[in-house]
Amino acid sequence: MEETPKYQELLEYVVKAIVDNPEAVTVDRKVDEMGVLLTLKVHQTDMGQVVGRQGSTAKAIRTLVRIIGLKSHARVNLKIEEPEGGQRAPARASSLDELKL
């Protein structure tokens, strides 16, 4: 069995430290000609903690993973999957006519 890369270990460690359900955190790794894609899955109630206000936490996590990946000579990207039953913010109405009162 191959060894888990440092960037994947870091991602799991950081995310498990900030969520309320660390047992639900999973990271899948896919390698192709474009580099490495890490796919992060968390419990639906932890999604806000992982993304952060205006995506600031997710951006910081992506930066850390990329830096550690560069030290391993790998181009690493992070995809955060929306959990089943997750809720996206509804699109804003662009005019008063579109608002349903």
N, C-alpha and C. Protein backbone atom coordinates (compact mmCIF):
# COMPACT_ATOMS: atom_id res chain seq x y z
N MET A 1 0.84 -1.19 0.00
CA MET A 1 0.00 0.00 0.00
C MET A 1 0.88 1.25 0.00
N GLU A 2 0.49 2.23 -0.81
CA GLU A 2 1.32 3.43 -0.91
C GLU A 2 1.09 4.35 0.29
N GLU A 3 2.10 5.15 0.55
CA GLU A 3 2.07 6.07 1.68
C GLU A 3 1.19 7.28 1.36
N THR A 4 0.44 7.74 2.36
CA THR A 4 -0.40 8.92 2.18
C THR A 4 0.49 10.16 2.08
N PRO A 5 0.30 10.97 1.03
CA PRO A 5 1.13 12.17 0.87
C PRO A 5 0.91 13.16 2.02
N LYS A 6 1.93 13.96 2.28
CA LYS A 6 1.89 14.94 3.38
C LYS A 6 0.75 15.93 3.21
N TYR A 7 0.50 16.38 1.97
CA TYR A 7 -0.57 17.36 1.76
C TYR A 7 -1.94 16.79 2.09
N GLN A 8 -2.13 15.50 1.85
CA GLN A 8 -3.40 14.86 2.19
C GLN A 8 -3.53 14.71 3.70
N GLU A 9 -2.44 14.34 4.37
CA GLU A 9 -2.45 14.23 5.83
C GLU A 9 -2.75 15.59 6.46
N LEU A 10 -2.13 16.66 5.93
CA LEU A 10 -2.35 18.00 6.45
C LEU A 10 -3.82 18.40 6.30
N LEU A 11 -4.39 18.14 5.13
CA LEU A 11 -5.78 18.49 4.88
C LEU A 11 -6.70 17.79 5.89
N GLU A 12 -6.51 16.49 6.07
CA GLU A 12 -7.34 15.75 7.02
C GLU A 12 -7.17 16.28 8.44
N TYR A 13 -5.94 16.55 8.84
CA TYR A 13 -5.65 17.05 10.19
C TYR A 13 -6.34 18.39 10.45
N VAL A 14 -6.18 19.33 9.52
CA VAL A 14 -6.73 20.67 9.70
C VAL A 14 -8.26 20.63 9.72
N VAL A 15 -8.85 19.92 8.78
CA VAL A 15 -10.31 19.89 8.70
C VAL A 15 -10.91 19.18 9.91
N LYS A 16 -10.32 18.07 10.33
CA LYS A 16 -10.84 17.36 11.50
C LYS A 16 -10.75 18.22 12.76
N ALA A 17 -9.77 19.12 12.81
CA ALA A 17 -9.61 20.00 13.97
C ALA A 17 -10.67 21.09 14.03
N ILE A 18 -11.26 21.48 12.90
CA ILE A 18 -12.21 22.60 12.92
C ILE A 18 -13.67 22.17 12.85
N VAL A 19 -13.96 20.90 12.54
CA VAL A 19 -15.36 20.47 12.42
C VAL A 19 -15.86 19.83 13.71
N ASP A 20 -17.18 19.72 13.82
CA ASP A 20 -17.80 19.08 14.98
C ASP A 20 -17.93 17.57 14.82
N ASN A 21 -17.85 17.09 13.58
CA ASN A 21 -17.99 15.65 13.29
C ASN A 21 -16.75 15.14 12.55
N PRO A 22 -15.60 15.03 13.24
CA PRO A 22 -14.38 14.63 12.54
C PRO A 22 -14.43 13.23 11.94
N GLU A 23 -15.29 12.37 12.49
CA GLU A 23 -15.39 11.01 11.95
C GLU A 23 -16.03 10.98 10.56
N ALA A 24 -16.70 12.06 10.18
CA ALA A 24 -17.37 12.12 8.87
C ALA A 24 -16.46 12.70 7.79
N VAL A 25 -15.26 13.13 8.14
CA VAL A 25 -14.35 13.75 7.17
C VAL A 25 -13.68 12.65 6.33
N THR A 26 -13.79 12.79 5.01
CA THR A 26 -13.09 11.87 4.11
C THR A 26 -12.40 12.68 3.01
N VAL A 27 -11.23 12.20 2.61
CA VAL A 27 -10.47 12.84 1.54
C VAL A 27 -10.12 11.78 0.50
N ASP A 28 -10.54 12.02 -0.73
CA ASP A 28 -10.20 11.13 -1.85
C ASP A 28 -9.16 11.84 -2.70
N ARG A 29 -8.22 11.06 -3.22
CA ARG A 29 -7.15 11.62 -4.05
C ARG A 29 -7.20 11.01 -5.43
N LYS A 30 -7.12 11.87 -6.44
CA LYS A 30 -7.11 11.43 -7.84
C LYS A 30 -5.94 12.12 -8.54
N VAL A 31 -5.11 11.35 -9.20
CA VAL A 31 -3.95 11.89 -9.89
C VAL A 31 -4.16 11.74 -11.40
N ASP A 32 -3.95 12.83 -12.14
CA ASP A 32 -4.01 12.77 -13.59
C ASP A 32 -2.95 13.69 -14.18
N GLU A 33 -3.02 13.95 -15.48
CA GLU A 33 -1.99 14.76 -16.14
C GLU A 33 -2.02 16.22 -15.67
N MET A 34 -3.13 16.67 -15.10
CA MET A 34 -3.25 18.05 -14.61
C MET A 34 -2.69 18.22 -13.20
N GLY A 35 -2.44 17.12 -12.51
CA GLY A 35 -1.94 17.20 -11.14
C GLY A 35 -2.75 16.31 -10.22
N VAL A 36 -2.88 16.75 -8.97
CA VAL A 36 -3.58 15.97 -7.96
C VAL A 36 -4.86 16.71 -7.59
N LEU A 37 -5.96 15.98 -7.54
CA LEU A 37 -7.23 16.55 -7.10
C LEU A 37 -7.63 15.87 -5.80
N LEU A 38 -7.71 16.65 -4.73
CA LEU A 38 -8.20 16.14 -3.46
C LEU A 38 -9.66 16.53 -3.34
N THR A 39 -10.51 15.56 -3.04
CA THR A 39 -11.93 15.82 -2.87
C THR A 39 -12.28 15.63 -1.40
N LEU A 40 -12.75 16.70 -0.78
CA LEU A 40 -13.07 16.71 0.64
C LEU A 40 -14.56 16.56 0.83
N LYS A 41 -14.94 15.63 1.71
CA LYS A 41 -16.35 15.45 2.07
C LYS A 41 -16.46 15.60 3.59
N VAL A 42 -17.44 16.39 4.03
CA VAL A 42 -17.67 16.60 5.45
C VAL A 42 -19.16 16.42 5.74
N HIS A 43 -19.51 16.32 7.01
CA HIS A 43 -20.90 16.24 7.43
C HIS A 43 -21.59 17.53 7.03
N GLN A 44 -22.86 17.45 6.65
CA GLN A 44 -23.55 18.65 6.14
C GLN A 44 -23.62 19.77 7.17
N THR A 45 -23.63 19.46 8.47
CA THR A 45 -23.68 20.53 9.47
C THR A 45 -22.33 21.22 9.65
N ASP A 46 -21.25 20.62 9.12
CA ASP A 46 -19.90 21.19 9.25
C ASP A 46 -19.49 22.02 8.05
N MET A 47 -20.33 22.07 7.03
CA MET A 47 -19.96 22.74 5.79
C MET A 47 -19.62 24.22 6.02
N GLY A 48 -20.39 24.90 6.84
CA GLY A 48 -20.14 26.31 7.11
C GLY A 48 -18.80 26.55 7.78
N GLN A 49 -18.40 25.63 8.67
CA GLN A 49 -17.11 25.77 9.35
C GLN A 49 -15.95 25.59 8.37
N VAL A 50 -16.11 24.70 7.41
CA VAL A 50 -15.05 24.44 6.45
C VAL A 50 -14.94 25.58 5.44
N VAL A 51 -16.07 26.11 5.01
CA VAL A 51 -16.05 27.18 4.02
C VAL A 51 -15.68 28.51 4.67
N GLY A 52 -16.25 28.80 5.82
CA GLY A 52 -15.95 30.06 6.51
C GLY A 52 -16.69 31.24 5.93
N ARG A 53 -16.52 32.37 6.55
CA ARG A 53 -17.20 33.58 6.10
C ARG A 53 -16.63 34.01 4.76
N GLN A 54 -17.50 34.10 3.78
CA GLN A 54 -17.15 34.48 2.40
C GLN A 54 -16.06 33.58 1.82
N GLY A 55 -15.99 32.33 2.29
CA GLY A 55 -15.02 31.38 1.75
C GLY A 55 -13.61 31.54 2.26
N SER A 56 -13.43 32.33 3.31
CA SER A 56 -12.06 32.62 3.79
C SER A 56 -11.35 31.38 4.34
N THR A 57 -12.07 30.53 5.06
CA THR A 57 -11.44 29.33 5.61
C THR A 57 -11.05 28.37 4.49
N ALA A 58 -11.95 28.16 3.55
CA ALA A 58 -11.67 27.27 2.42
C ALA A 58 -10.47 27.78 1.62
N LYS A 59 -10.39 29.08 1.43
CA LYS A 59 -9.27 29.66 0.69
C LYS A 59 -7.95 29.42 1.42
N ALA A 60 -7.96 29.60 2.74
CA ALA A 60 -6.75 29.38 3.54
C ALA A 60 -6.33 27.91 3.50
N ILE A 61 -7.29 27.00 3.59
CA ILE A 61 -6.98 25.56 3.53
C ILE A 61 -6.39 25.22 2.16
N ARG A 62 -6.98 25.75 1.10
CA ARG A 62 -6.46 25.49 -0.26
C ARG A 62 -5.02 25.99 -0.40
N THR A 63 -4.75 27.16 0.16
CA THR A 63 -3.39 27.71 0.09
C THR A 63 -2.40 26.81 0.80
N LEU A 64 -2.74 26.37 2.00
CA LEU A 64 -1.85 25.47 2.75
C LEU A 64 -1.57 24.17 1.98
N VAL A 65 -2.63 23.58 1.45
CA VAL A 65 -2.48 22.32 0.72
C VAL A 65 -1.61 22.51 -0.52
N ARG A 66 -1.80 23.62 -1.24
CA ARG A 66 -0.98 23.90 -2.43
C ARG A 66 0.50 24.06 -2.07
N ILE A 67 0.78 24.78 -0.98
CA ILE A 67 2.17 25.00 -0.58
C ILE A 67 2.85 23.69 -0.22
N ILE A 68 2.18 22.86 0.58
CA ILE A 68 2.76 21.57 0.95
C ILE A 68 2.90 20.69 -0.30
N GLY A 69 1.94 20.78 -1.21
CA GLY A 69 2.03 20.03 -2.46
C GLY A 69 3.23 20.43 -3.29
N LEU A 70 3.52 21.73 -3.34
CA LEU A 70 4.69 22.20 -4.09
C LEU A 70 5.99 21.64 -3.52
N LYS A 71 6.05 21.51 -2.21
CA LYS A 71 7.24 20.92 -1.59
C LYS A 71 7.42 19.46 -2.01
N SER A 72 6.29 18.81 -2.36
CA SER A 72 6.32 17.42 -2.82
C SER A 72 6.37 17.34 -4.34
N HIS A 73 6.55 18.49 -4.99
CA HIS A 73 6.59 18.58 -6.46
C HIS A 73 5.29 18.09 -7.08
N ALA A 74 4.16 18.49 -6.47
CA ALA A 74 2.85 18.11 -7.00
C ALA A 74 1.98 19.35 -7.10
N ARG A 75 1.19 19.41 -8.16
CA ARG A 75 0.22 20.50 -8.32
C ARG A 75 -1.09 20.00 -7.72
N VAL A 76 -1.45 20.56 -6.57
CA VAL A 76 -2.59 20.05 -5.80
C VAL A 76 -3.75 21.04 -5.85
N ASN A 77 -4.93 20.53 -6.16
CA ASN A 77 -6.16 21.31 -6.11
C ASN A 77 -7.13 20.65 -5.15
N LEU A 78 -7.98 21.46 -4.53
CA LEU A 78 -8.93 20.95 -3.55
C LEU A 78 -10.35 21.24 -4.00
N LYS A 79 -11.17 20.21 -3.98
CA LYS A 79 -12.59 20.34 -4.29
C LYS A 79 -13.34 19.98 -3.01
N ILE A 80 -14.22 20.87 -2.58
CA ILE A 80 -15.04 20.59 -1.39
C ILE A 80 -16.42 20.22 -1.90
N GLU A 81 -16.81 18.96 -1.67
CA GLU A 81 -18.11 18.49 -2.16
C GLU A 81 -19.21 18.91 -1.21
N GLU A 82 -20.30 19.38 -1.81
CA GLU A 82 -21.46 19.73 -1.00
C GLU A 82 -22.14 18.44 -0.56
N PRO A 83 -22.41 18.28 0.73
CA PRO A 83 -23.01 17.04 1.22
C PRO A 83 -24.45 16.87 0.75
N GLU A 84 -24.93 15.62 0.79
CA GLU A 84 -26.32 15.33 0.46
C GLU A 84 -27.22 16.13 1.39
N GLY A 85 -28.23 16.74 0.84
CA GLY A 85 -29.16 17.52 1.65
C GLY A 85 -28.62 18.88 2.02
N GLY A 86 -27.44 19.23 1.49
CA GLY A 86 -26.86 20.54 1.77
C GLY A 86 -27.70 21.64 1.14
N GLN A 87 -27.61 22.82 1.69
CA GLN A 87 -28.42 23.90 1.16
C GLN A 87 -27.53 25.02 0.67
N ARG A 88 -27.72 25.39 -0.55
CA ARG A 88 -27.03 26.55 -1.10
C ARG A 88 -27.90 27.76 -0.84
N ALA A 89 -27.27 28.90 -0.75
CA ALA A 89 -28.03 30.14 -0.58
C ALA A 89 -28.86 30.36 -1.83
N PRO A 90 -30.11 30.73 -1.66
CA PRO A 90 -30.95 30.96 -2.85
C PRO A 90 -30.45 32.16 -3.64
N ALA A 91 -30.64 32.10 -4.94
CA ALA A 91 -30.21 33.20 -5.80
C ALA A 91 -31.03 34.43 -5.46
N ARG A 92 -30.39 35.58 -5.48
CA ARG A 92 -31.11 36.82 -5.19
C ARG A 92 -31.92 37.27 -6.38
N ALA A 93 -33.06 37.82 -6.10
CA ALA A 93 -33.89 38.36 -7.18
C ALA A 93 -33.24 39.65 -7.68
N SER A 94 -33.24 39.81 -8.99
CA SER A 94 -32.57 40.97 -9.56
C SER A 94 -33.48 42.19 -9.64
N SER A 95 -34.78 41.99 -9.49
CA SER A 95 -35.70 43.14 -9.50
C SER A 95 -36.86 42.87 -8.56
N LEU A 96 -37.60 43.90 -8.25
CA LEU A 96 -38.76 43.76 -7.36
C LEU A 96 -39.81 42.84 -7.96
N ASP A 97 -39.91 42.81 -9.30
CA ASP A 97 -40.91 41.97 -9.96
C ASP A 97 -40.67 40.49 -9.71
N GLU A 98 -39.41 40.11 -9.50
CA GLU A 98 -39.09 38.71 -9.31
C GLU A 98 -39.32 38.23 -7.88
N LEU A 99 -39.49 39.17 -6.97
CA LEU A 99 -39.72 38.80 -5.58
C LEU A 99 -41.15 38.30 -5.42
N LYS A 100 -41.29 37.19 -4.73
CA LYS A 100 -42.63 36.65 -4.47
C LYS A 100 -43.01 37.02 -3.05
N LEU A 101 -44.02 37.85 -2.93
CA LEU A 101 -44.44 38.30 -1.61
C LEU A 101 -45.65 37.57 -1.13
